Amino acid sequence: MATISLRKGNARLPPEVNRALYVRNLPFNITSEEMYDIFGKYGAIRQIRIGSSRDTRGTAFVVYEDIYDAKTAVDHLSGFNVANRYLIVLYYQPAKMNKKFDQKKKEEEIVKLQEKYGVSTKDK
């Protein structure tokens, strides 16, 4: 019902709101069916991706069909308790997610350029 009132009121959403959500602090043994049960209550889901590698366990991406459904899910599921773990539900922001990787790439480029031109930072 909250989504209907949002649509009728033509409310402006903040710029960070989008259909893709990033979920952290999930139990490691959660199944995709359980994810659909939890997140499906708030609208039609296009896709769920659960982290399976050592670095991504406990995280997932949930993509909704509608932006208003995603906003409702964030509003209701942030802090939701699943198997004694409180979910952290955020809007996916690629710029912030890739910031760590961009920093490493830039540092590698600087080292390569220093080697190429014979510049040493040890003298300073």
N, C-alpha and C. Protein backbone atom coordinates (compact mmCIF):
# COMPACT_ATOMS: atom_id res chain seq x y z
N MET A 1 0.82 -1.20 0.00
CA MET A 1 0.00 0.00 0.00
C MET A 1 0.85 1.26 0.00
N ALA A 2 1.99 1.18 0.63
CA ALA A 2 2.87 2.34 0.68
C ALA A 2 3.36 2.70 -0.71
N THR A 3 3.57 1.70 -1.56
CA THR A 3 4.05 1.98 -2.91
C THR A 3 3.00 2.70 -3.73
N ILE A 4 1.71 2.37 -3.51
CA ILE A 4 0.64 3.02 -4.25
C ILE A 4 0.59 4.50 -3.88
N SER A 5 0.71 4.81 -2.60
CA SER A 5 0.66 6.21 -2.18
C SER A 5 1.86 6.98 -2.71
N LEU A 6 3.00 6.33 -2.82
CA LEU A 6 4.17 7.01 -3.38
C LEU A 6 3.94 7.35 -4.85
N ARG A 7 3.39 6.42 -5.58
CA ARG A 7 3.17 6.64 -7.01
C ARG A 7 2.12 7.72 -7.24
N LYS A 8 1.04 7.69 -6.47
CA LYS A 8 -0.03 8.68 -6.66
C LYS A 8 0.43 10.08 -6.27
N GLY A 9 1.25 10.16 -5.23
CA GLY A 9 1.72 11.46 -4.78
C GLY A 9 2.81 12.04 -5.67
N ASN A 10 3.30 11.23 -6.62
CA ASN A 10 4.36 11.65 -7.52
C ASN A 10 5.54 12.22 -6.73
N ALA A 11 5.87 11.52 -5.65
CA ALA A 11 6.95 11.96 -4.76
C ALA A 11 8.29 11.80 -5.46
N ARG A 12 9.16 12.75 -5.25
CA ARG A 12 10.50 12.67 -5.81
C ARG A 12 11.35 11.78 -4.92
N LEU A 13 12.05 10.88 -5.55
CA LEU A 13 12.92 9.97 -4.81
C LEU A 13 14.33 10.54 -4.77
N PRO A 14 15.07 10.26 -3.72
CA PRO A 14 16.46 10.71 -3.67
C PRO A 14 17.26 10.10 -4.83
N PRO A 15 18.34 10.74 -5.26
CA PRO A 15 19.08 10.27 -6.43
C PRO A 15 19.74 8.90 -6.25
N GLU A 16 20.02 8.49 -5.02
CA GLU A 16 20.68 7.20 -4.82
C GLU A 16 19.72 6.02 -4.94
N VAL A 17 18.42 6.27 -4.97
CA VAL A 17 17.44 5.20 -5.05
C VAL A 17 17.47 4.58 -6.45
N ASN A 18 17.64 3.25 -6.48
CA ASN A 18 17.52 2.54 -7.75
C ASN A 18 16.96 1.15 -7.49
N ARG A 19 16.80 0.36 -8.56
CA ARG A 19 16.15 -0.95 -8.45
C ARG A 19 17.06 -2.01 -7.86
N ALA A 20 18.36 -1.79 -7.91
CA ALA A 20 19.31 -2.80 -7.44
C ALA A 20 19.70 -2.52 -5.99
N LEU A 21 19.61 -3.56 -5.17
CA LEU A 21 19.95 -3.44 -3.75
C LEU A 21 21.16 -4.31 -3.45
N TYR A 22 21.98 -3.84 -2.54
CA TYR A 22 23.14 -4.59 -2.05
C TYR A 22 22.83 -4.98 -0.61
N VAL A 23 22.85 -6.28 -0.32
CA VAL A 23 22.47 -6.79 1.00
C VAL A 23 23.71 -7.39 1.65
N ARG A 24 23.99 -6.98 2.88
CA ARG A 24 25.13 -7.51 3.64
C ARG A 24 24.65 -8.15 4.91
N ASN A 25 25.55 -8.89 5.55
CA ASN A 25 25.32 -9.54 6.84
C ASN A 25 24.27 -10.65 6.76
N LEU A 26 24.23 -11.33 5.61
CA LEU A 26 23.33 -12.47 5.47
C LEU A 26 23.95 -13.70 6.11
N PRO A 27 23.12 -14.65 6.58
CA PRO A 27 23.67 -15.92 7.04
C PRO A 27 24.34 -16.62 5.85
N PHE A 28 25.45 -17.29 6.08
CA PHE A 28 26.20 -17.93 5.00
C PHE A 28 25.42 -19.05 4.33
N ASN A 29 24.50 -19.67 5.05
CA ASN A 29 23.78 -20.82 4.51
C ASN A 29 22.39 -20.46 3.97
N ILE A 30 22.11 -19.19 3.70
CA ILE A 30 20.79 -18.79 3.20
C ILE A 30 20.63 -19.29 1.76
N THR A 31 19.43 -19.73 1.44
CA THR A 31 19.15 -20.24 0.09
C THR A 31 18.46 -19.16 -0.74
N SER A 32 18.45 -19.37 -2.04
CA SER A 32 17.79 -18.40 -2.91
C SER A 32 16.27 -18.40 -2.66
N GLU A 33 15.70 -19.55 -2.31
CA GLU A 33 14.27 -19.60 -2.01
C GLU A 33 13.94 -18.74 -0.79
N GLU A 34 14.79 -18.81 0.23
CA GLU A 34 14.58 -17.97 1.41
C GLU A 34 14.71 -16.49 1.07
N MET A 35 15.65 -16.17 0.20
CA MET A 35 15.81 -14.77 -0.23
C MET A 35 14.55 -14.29 -0.96
N TYR A 36 14.02 -15.13 -1.86
CA TYR A 36 12.80 -14.76 -2.57
C TYR A 36 11.63 -14.61 -1.60
N ASP A 37 11.56 -15.45 -0.56
CA ASP A 37 10.50 -15.33 0.44
C ASP A 37 10.60 -14.00 1.19
N ILE A 38 11.80 -13.62 1.57
CA ILE A 38 12.00 -12.40 2.36
C ILE A 38 11.77 -11.16 1.50
N PHE A 39 12.42 -11.09 0.35
CA PHE A 39 12.39 -9.87 -0.47
C PHE A 39 11.18 -9.82 -1.40
N GLY A 40 10.59 -10.97 -1.71
CA GLY A 40 9.45 -11.01 -2.62
C GLY A 40 8.19 -10.39 -2.05
N LYS A 41 8.13 -10.20 -0.75
CA LYS A 41 6.96 -9.58 -0.12
C LYS A 41 6.78 -8.13 -0.55
N TYR A 42 7.84 -7.51 -1.04
CA TYR A 42 7.80 -6.07 -1.32
C TYR A 42 7.68 -5.75 -2.80
N GLY A 43 7.59 -6.78 -3.66
CA GLY A 43 7.39 -6.52 -5.07
C GLY A 43 8.02 -7.60 -5.93
N ALA A 44 7.81 -7.44 -7.24
CA ALA A 44 8.32 -8.41 -8.20
C ALA A 44 9.84 -8.29 -8.31
N ILE A 45 10.51 -9.43 -8.22
CA ILE A 45 11.97 -9.45 -8.25
C ILE A 45 12.43 -9.90 -9.63
N ARG A 46 13.37 -9.18 -10.18
CA ARG A 46 13.95 -9.56 -11.47
C ARG A 46 15.07 -10.57 -11.27
N GLN A 47 15.92 -10.35 -10.27
CA GLN A 47 17.08 -11.22 -10.09
C GLN A 47 17.61 -11.13 -8.67
N ILE A 48 18.13 -12.26 -8.18
CA ILE A 48 18.85 -12.30 -6.90
C ILE A 48 20.16 -13.02 -7.15
N ARG A 49 21.25 -12.43 -6.71
CA ARG A 49 22.57 -13.05 -6.80
C ARG A 49 23.16 -13.12 -5.41
N ILE A 50 23.43 -14.33 -4.95
CA ILE A 50 23.98 -14.54 -3.62
C ILE A 50 25.47 -14.83 -3.76
N GLY A 51 26.29 -14.15 -2.94
CA GLY A 51 27.73 -14.36 -2.97
C GLY A 51 28.09 -15.76 -2.52
N SER A 52 28.98 -16.42 -3.29
CA SER A 52 29.33 -17.79 -2.95
C SER A 52 30.82 -17.98 -2.68
N SER A 53 31.64 -17.05 -3.12
CA SER A 53 33.08 -17.20 -2.88
C SER A 53 33.42 -16.76 -1.46
N ARG A 54 34.63 -17.02 -1.07
CA ARG A 54 35.06 -16.70 0.30
C ARG A 54 34.92 -15.20 0.59
N ASP A 55 35.22 -14.37 -0.38
CA ASP A 55 35.16 -12.91 -0.19
C ASP A 55 33.74 -12.36 -0.21
N THR A 56 32.82 -13.06 -0.86
CA THR A 56 31.48 -12.50 -1.04
C THR A 56 30.40 -13.21 -0.22
N ARG A 57 30.77 -14.18 0.60
CA ARG A 57 29.76 -14.85 1.43
C ARG A 57 29.08 -13.84 2.33
N GLY A 58 27.79 -14.03 2.53
CA GLY A 58 27.05 -13.13 3.41
C GLY A 58 26.56 -11.88 2.71
N THR A 59 26.74 -11.82 1.39
CA THR A 59 26.26 -10.67 0.63
C THR A 59 25.38 -11.15 -0.51
N ALA A 60 24.57 -10.23 -1.04
CA ALA A 60 23.72 -10.55 -2.18
C ALA A 60 23.32 -9.27 -2.88
N PHE A 61 22.93 -9.43 -4.13
CA PHE A 61 22.33 -8.35 -4.90
C PHE A 61 20.90 -8.76 -5.20
N VAL A 62 19.97 -7.84 -4.98
CA VAL A 62 18.57 -8.08 -5.28
C VAL A 62 18.12 -6.97 -6.23
N VAL A 63 17.59 -7.38 -7.39
CA VAL A 63 17.14 -6.40 -8.38
C VAL A 63 15.62 -6.53 -8.53
N TYR A 64 14.93 -5.43 -8.27
CA TYR A 64 13.47 -5.40 -8.38
C TYR A 64 13.06 -4.92 -9.77
N GLU A 65 11.84 -5.23 -10.15
CA GLU A 65 11.28 -4.76 -11.41
C GLU A 65 10.97 -3.26 -11.33
N ASP A 66 10.56 -2.80 -10.14
CA ASP A 66 10.11 -1.42 -9.98
C ASP A 66 10.93 -0.72 -8.90
N ILE A 67 11.26 0.52 -9.13
CA ILE A 67 12.09 1.30 -8.20
C ILE A 67 11.35 1.54 -6.88
N TYR A 68 10.04 1.67 -6.92
CA TYR A 68 9.28 1.92 -5.70
C TYR A 68 9.25 0.67 -4.81
N ASP A 69 9.24 -0.51 -5.43
CA ASP A 69 9.31 -1.75 -4.65
C ASP A 69 10.67 -1.85 -3.94
N ALA A 70 11.73 -1.45 -4.64
CA ALA A 70 13.06 -1.47 -4.04
C ALA A 70 13.13 -0.52 -2.85
N LYS A 71 12.54 0.66 -3.00
CA LYS A 71 12.54 1.63 -1.90
C LYS A 71 11.78 1.08 -0.69
N THR A 72 10.66 0.44 -0.93
CA THR A 72 9.88 -0.15 0.16
C THR A 72 10.67 -1.25 0.85
N ALA A 73 11.37 -2.07 0.07
CA ALA A 73 12.17 -3.16 0.65
C ALA A 73 13.29 -2.60 1.53
N VAL A 74 13.96 -1.55 1.07
CA VAL A 74 15.03 -0.94 1.88
C VAL A 74 14.45 -0.38 3.17
N ASP A 75 13.33 0.29 3.07
CA ASP A 75 12.70 0.89 4.24
C ASP A 75 12.29 -0.16 5.28
N HIS A 76 11.81 -1.33 4.82
CA HIS A 76 11.31 -2.33 5.74
C HIS A 76 12.34 -3.37 6.17
N LEU A 77 13.34 -3.65 5.34
CA LEU A 77 14.25 -4.75 5.63
C LEU A 77 15.59 -4.33 6.22
N SER A 78 15.91 -3.06 6.24
CA SER A 78 17.15 -2.63 6.89
C SER A 78 17.01 -2.89 8.39
N GLY A 79 17.89 -3.73 8.92
CA GLY A 79 17.81 -4.09 10.32
C GLY A 79 16.93 -5.30 10.60
N PHE A 80 16.39 -5.91 9.56
CA PHE A 80 15.54 -7.10 9.71
C PHE A 80 16.39 -8.27 10.21
N ASN A 81 15.87 -9.03 11.17
CA ASN A 81 16.61 -10.13 11.79
C ASN A 81 16.36 -11.43 11.02
N VAL A 82 17.44 -12.01 10.48
CA VAL A 82 17.38 -13.30 9.79
C VAL A 82 18.41 -14.20 10.44
N ALA A 83 17.97 -15.26 11.08
CA ALA A 83 18.86 -16.22 11.74
C ALA A 83 19.84 -15.51 12.68
N ASN A 84 19.31 -14.64 13.52
CA ASN A 84 20.09 -13.86 14.50
C ASN A 84 21.14 -12.96 13.88
N ARG A 85 20.90 -12.51 12.65
CA ARG A 85 21.78 -11.54 11.99
C ARG A 85 20.89 -10.41 11.48
N TYR A 86 21.32 -9.19 11.70
CA TYR A 86 20.54 -8.04 11.25
C TYR A 86 21.02 -7.63 9.87
N LEU A 87 20.09 -7.62 8.91
CA LEU A 87 20.43 -7.32 7.52
C LEU A 87 20.81 -5.86 7.35
N ILE A 88 21.76 -5.63 6.48
CA ILE A 88 22.11 -4.28 6.04
C ILE A 88 21.71 -4.20 4.57
N VAL A 89 20.69 -3.42 4.28
CA VAL A 89 20.17 -3.32 2.92
C VAL A 89 20.43 -1.91 2.41
N LEU A 90 21.21 -1.82 1.33
CA LEU A 90 21.61 -0.53 0.76
C LEU A 90 21.28 -0.49 -0.72
N TYR A 91 21.16 0.71 -1.26
CA TYR A 91 21.02 0.84 -2.71
C TYR A 91 22.39 0.58 -3.33
N TYR A 92 22.43 -0.19 -4.41
CA TYR A 92 23.70 -0.47 -5.07
C TYR A 92 24.18 0.79 -5.76
N GLN A 93 25.41 1.19 -5.43
CA GLN A 93 26.02 2.37 -6.04
C GLN A 93 27.37 1.96 -6.62
N PRO A 94 27.41 1.72 -7.94
CA PRO A 94 28.63 1.21 -8.55
C PRO A 94 29.85 2.11 -8.33
N ALA A 95 29.66 3.40 -8.27
CA ALA A 95 30.80 4.30 -8.08
C ALA A 95 31.49 4.03 -6.75
N LYS A 96 30.72 3.81 -5.70
CA LYS A 96 31.30 3.53 -4.39
C LYS A 96 31.88 2.13 -4.32
N MET A 97 31.25 1.16 -5.00
CA MET A 97 31.72 -0.21 -4.96
C MET A 97 33.06 -0.35 -5.68
N ASN A 98 33.23 0.38 -6.76
CA ASN A 98 34.45 0.26 -7.57
C ASN A 98 35.57 1.17 -7.10
N LYS A 99 35.32 1.98 -6.11
CA LYS A 99 36.32 2.95 -5.64
C LYS A 99 37.59 2.25 -5.16
N LYS A 100 37.47 1.14 -4.44
CA LYS A 100 38.63 0.42 -3.95
C LYS A 100 39.46 -0.10 -5.10
N PHE A 101 38.82 -0.65 -6.11
CA PHE A 101 39.54 -1.20 -7.24
C PHE A 101 40.22 -0.11 -8.05
N ASP A 102 39.54 1.02 -8.21
CA ASP A 102 40.12 2.14 -8.94
C ASP A 102 41.39 2.64 -8.25
N GLN A 103 41.39 2.69 -6.95
CA GLN A 103 42.56 3.15 -6.19
C GLN A 103 43.75 2.23 -6.44
N LYS A 104 43.52 0.92 -6.42
CA LYS A 104 44.62 -0.03 -6.66
C LYS A 104 45.16 0.12 -8.07
N LYS A 105 44.28 0.30 -9.05
CA LYS A 105 44.72 0.46 -10.44
C LYS A 105 45.57 1.72 -10.59
N LYS A 106 45.15 2.79 -9.95
CA LYS A 106 45.89 4.06 -10.05
C LYS A 106 47.28 3.92 -9.43
N GLU A 107 47.35 3.24 -8.28
CA GLU A 107 48.66 3.04 -7.64
C GLU A 107 49.58 2.21 -8.52
N GLU A 108 49.04 1.18 -9.17
CA GLU A 108 49.84 0.36 -10.08
C GLU A 108 50.33 1.17 -11.27
N GLU A 109 49.47 2.04 -11.81
CA GLU A 109 49.87 2.89 -12.93
C GLU A 109 51.00 3.83 -12.53
N ILE A 110 50.92 4.38 -11.34
CA ILE A 110 51.96 5.30 -10.87
C ILE A 110 53.30 4.58 -10.75
N VAL A 111 53.28 3.37 -10.20
CA VAL A 111 54.51 2.59 -10.07
C VAL A 111 55.10 2.30 -11.45
N LYS A 112 54.27 1.92 -12.41
CA LYS A 112 54.75 1.65 -13.77
C LYS A 112 55.36 2.89 -14.41
N LEU A 113 54.70 4.02 -14.24
CA LEU A 113 55.22 5.26 -14.81
C LEU A 113 56.53 5.67 -14.14
N GLN A 114 56.64 5.46 -12.83
CA GLN A 114 57.88 5.79 -12.13
C GLN A 114 59.02 4.92 -12.64
N GLU A 115 58.75 3.64 -12.86
CA GLU A 115 59.77 2.75 -13.39
C GLU A 115 60.15 3.13 -14.82
N LYS A 116 59.16 3.50 -15.61
CA LYS A 116 59.39 3.85 -17.02
C LYS A 116 60.28 5.08 -17.15
N TYR A 117 60.03 6.08 -16.32
CA TYR A 117 60.77 7.34 -16.43
C TYR A 117 61.90 7.47 -15.42
N GLY A 118 62.15 6.42 -14.63
CA GLY A 118 63.25 6.44 -13.70
C GLY A 118 63.07 7.36 -12.52
N VAL A 119 61.87 7.59 -12.12
CA VAL A 119 61.58 8.47 -10.98
C VAL A 119 61.53 7.61 -9.71
N SER A 120 62.17 8.09 -8.69
CA SER A 120 62.17 7.36 -7.43
C SER A 120 61.64 8.26 -6.32
N THR A 121 60.76 7.70 -5.49
CA THR A 121 60.20 8.46 -4.38
C THR A 121 61.00 8.23 -3.10
N LYS A 122 62.00 7.35 -3.15
CA LYS A 122 62.79 7.03 -1.98
C LYS A 122 63.75 8.18 -1.60
N ASP A 123 64.09 9.01 -2.59
CA ASP A 123 65.02 10.12 -2.34
C ASP A 123 64.42 11.19 -1.46
N LYS A 124 63.11 11.32 -1.47
CA LYS A 124 62.45 12.43 -0.78
C LYS A 124 62.23 12.14 0.65
